[in-house]
């Protein structure tokens, strides 16, 4: 769960990571990293239920 609509993923960095990619959650509320399959889900800090803009 993250509280921002943009995130950078590098797979955890170091030798076990992958190239850094920048992902946007705009319009979807969630996004999966194409390299490591890590799922990022937007959680509105204001507590709104709607996860779409």
N, C-alpha and C. Protein backbone atom coordinates (compact mmCIF):
# COMPACT_ATOMS: atom_id res chain seq x y z
N UNK A 1 0.85 -1.17 0.00
CA UNK A 1 0.00 0.00 0.00
C UNK A 1 0.90 1.24 0.00
N UNK A 2 0.59 2.15 -0.90
CA UNK A 2 1.34 3.41 -0.99
C UNK A 2 0.35 4.57 -1.03
N UNK A 3 0.83 5.76 -0.69
CA UNK A 3 -0.05 6.93 -0.65
C UNK A 3 0.28 7.94 -1.73
N UNK A 4 0.87 7.47 -2.83
CA UNK A 4 1.21 8.32 -3.95
C UNK A 4 0.81 7.63 -5.25
N UNK A 5 0.55 8.39 -6.29
CA UNK A 5 0.09 7.82 -7.55
C UNK A 5 1.24 7.48 -8.50
N UNK A 6 2.48 7.75 -8.09
CA UNK A 6 3.66 7.39 -8.89
C UNK A 6 4.66 6.71 -7.99
N UNK A 7 5.33 5.68 -8.51
CA UNK A 7 6.29 4.93 -7.71
C UNK A 7 7.44 4.48 -8.61
N UNK A 8 8.63 4.38 -8.02
CA UNK A 8 9.79 3.84 -8.73
C UNK A 8 10.10 2.49 -8.11
N UNK A 9 10.28 1.47 -8.94
CA UNK A 9 10.58 0.13 -8.45
C UNK A 9 11.92 -0.31 -9.04
N UNK A 10 12.79 -0.84 -8.16
CA UNK A 10 14.07 -1.38 -8.63
C UNK A 10 14.27 -2.81 -8.12
N UNK A 11 13.19 -3.42 -7.66
CA UNK A 11 13.25 -4.80 -7.20
C UNK A 11 13.97 -4.99 -5.89
N UNK A 12 14.21 -3.95 -5.17
CA UNK A 12 14.89 -4.05 -3.90
C UNK A 12 16.35 -3.64 -3.96
N UNK A 13 16.82 -3.29 -5.14
CA UNK A 13 18.18 -2.80 -5.28
C UNK A 13 19.23 -3.89 -5.15
N UNK A 14 20.46 -3.48 -5.21
CA UNK A 14 21.56 -4.42 -5.11
C UNK A 14 21.62 -5.39 -6.29
N UNK A 15 22.33 -6.47 -6.11
CA UNK A 15 22.49 -7.44 -7.20
C UNK A 15 21.23 -8.24 -7.46
N UNK A 16 20.28 -8.24 -6.54
CA UNK A 16 19.04 -8.98 -6.73
C UNK A 16 17.95 -8.13 -7.36
N UNK A 17 18.24 -6.87 -7.63
CA UNK A 17 17.24 -5.96 -8.17
C UNK A 17 17.13 -6.05 -9.69
N UNK A 18 16.49 -5.04 -10.25
CA UNK A 18 16.32 -4.92 -11.70
C UNK A 18 16.43 -3.45 -12.06
N UNK A 19 16.45 -3.12 -13.35
CA UNK A 19 16.52 -1.70 -13.72
C UNK A 19 15.34 -0.92 -13.10
N UNK A 20 15.61 0.28 -12.66
CA UNK A 20 14.56 1.11 -12.06
C UNK A 20 13.53 1.49 -13.12
N UNK A 21 12.27 1.25 -12.78
CA UNK A 21 11.16 1.64 -13.65
C UNK A 21 10.24 2.54 -12.84
N UNK A 22 9.64 3.49 -13.52
CA UNK A 22 8.71 4.41 -12.89
C UNK A 22 7.30 4.01 -13.33
N UNK A 23 6.44 3.79 -12.35
CA UNK A 23 5.10 3.29 -12.61
C UNK A 23 4.06 4.29 -12.14
N UNK A 24 2.95 4.36 -12.86
CA UNK A 24 1.87 5.28 -12.51
C UNK A 24 0.62 4.49 -12.13
N UNK A 25 -0.02 4.92 -11.06
CA UNK A 25 -1.26 4.30 -10.61
C UNK A 25 -2.47 5.11 -11.06
N UNK A 26 -2.26 6.16 -11.82
CA UNK A 26 -3.34 7.03 -12.28
C UNK A 26 -4.39 6.22 -13.05
N UNK A 27 -5.65 6.39 -12.64
CA UNK A 27 -6.75 5.77 -13.35
C UNK A 27 -6.98 4.30 -13.04
N UNK A 28 -6.04 3.68 -12.32
CA UNK A 28 -6.19 2.26 -12.04
C UNK A 28 -6.26 1.97 -10.55
N UNK A 29 -5.54 2.72 -9.76
CA UNK A 29 -5.51 2.49 -8.33
C UNK A 29 -4.51 1.43 -7.90
N UNK A 30 -3.98 0.71 -8.89
CA UNK A 30 -2.94 -0.27 -8.60
C UNK A 30 -2.14 -0.55 -9.85
N UNK A 31 -0.91 -1.01 -9.66
CA UNK A 31 -0.04 -1.34 -10.79
C UNK A 31 0.93 -2.43 -10.34
N UNK A 32 1.28 -3.29 -11.28
CA UNK A 32 2.22 -4.37 -11.01
C UNK A 32 3.51 -4.11 -11.77
N UNK A 33 4.64 -4.29 -11.10
CA UNK A 33 5.93 -4.09 -11.74
C UNK A 33 6.13 -5.17 -12.81
N UNK A 34 6.51 -4.77 -14.02
CA UNK A 34 6.69 -5.75 -15.10
C UNK A 34 7.92 -6.64 -14.91
N UNK A 35 8.83 -6.25 -14.03
CA UNK A 35 10.04 -7.05 -13.78
C UNK A 35 9.85 -8.05 -12.64
N UNK A 36 9.42 -7.57 -11.49
CA UNK A 36 9.40 -8.42 -10.29
C UNK A 36 8.00 -8.77 -9.81
N UNK A 37 6.97 -8.28 -10.50
CA UNK A 37 5.57 -8.56 -10.16
C UNK A 37 5.12 -7.99 -8.82
N UNK A 38 5.90 -7.08 -8.25
CA UNK A 38 5.48 -6.44 -7.01
C UNK A 38 4.23 -5.61 -7.30
N UNK A 39 3.22 -5.76 -6.47
CA UNK A 39 1.96 -5.05 -6.66
C UNK A 39 1.91 -3.82 -5.76
N UNK A 40 1.68 -2.67 -6.35
CA UNK A 40 1.52 -1.42 -5.62
C UNK A 40 0.06 -1.03 -5.67
N UNK A 41 -0.51 -0.74 -4.52
CA UNK A 41 -1.92 -0.36 -4.42
C UNK A 41 -2.00 1.00 -3.75
N UNK A 42 -2.74 1.92 -4.38
CA UNK A 42 -2.90 3.27 -3.85
C UNK A 42 -3.88 3.25 -2.68
N UNK A 43 -3.45 3.84 -1.58
CA UNK A 43 -4.32 4.03 -0.42
C UNK A 43 -4.41 5.52 -0.16
N UNK A 44 -5.58 6.08 -0.38
CA UNK A 44 -5.77 7.52 -0.22
C UNK A 44 -5.56 7.92 1.24
N UNK A 45 -4.60 8.82 1.49
CA UNK A 45 -4.36 9.25 2.88
C UNK A 45 -5.55 9.95 3.50
N UNK A 46 -6.48 10.47 2.67
CA UNK A 46 -7.67 11.14 3.19
C UNK A 46 -8.75 10.12 3.56
N UNK A 47 -8.54 8.84 3.21
CA UNK A 47 -9.50 7.80 3.56
C UNK A 47 -10.64 7.63 2.58
N UNK A 48 -10.56 8.26 1.40
CA UNK A 48 -11.60 8.10 0.40
C UNK A 48 -11.62 6.67 -0.12
N UNK A 49 -12.78 6.12 -0.36
CA UNK A 49 -12.91 4.75 -0.85
C UNK A 49 -12.58 4.63 -2.33
N UNK A 50 -12.88 5.65 -3.13
CA UNK A 50 -12.65 5.60 -4.57
C UNK A 50 -11.16 5.69 -4.85
N UNK A 51 -10.59 4.72 -5.55
CA UNK A 51 -9.17 4.70 -5.85
C UNK A 51 -8.87 5.22 -7.25
N UNK A 52 -9.85 5.70 -7.93
CA UNK A 52 -9.63 6.26 -9.26
C UNK A 52 -9.73 7.77 -9.18
N UNK A 53 -9.04 8.50 -10.08
CA UNK A 53 -9.08 9.96 -10.02
C UNK A 53 -10.44 10.51 -10.35
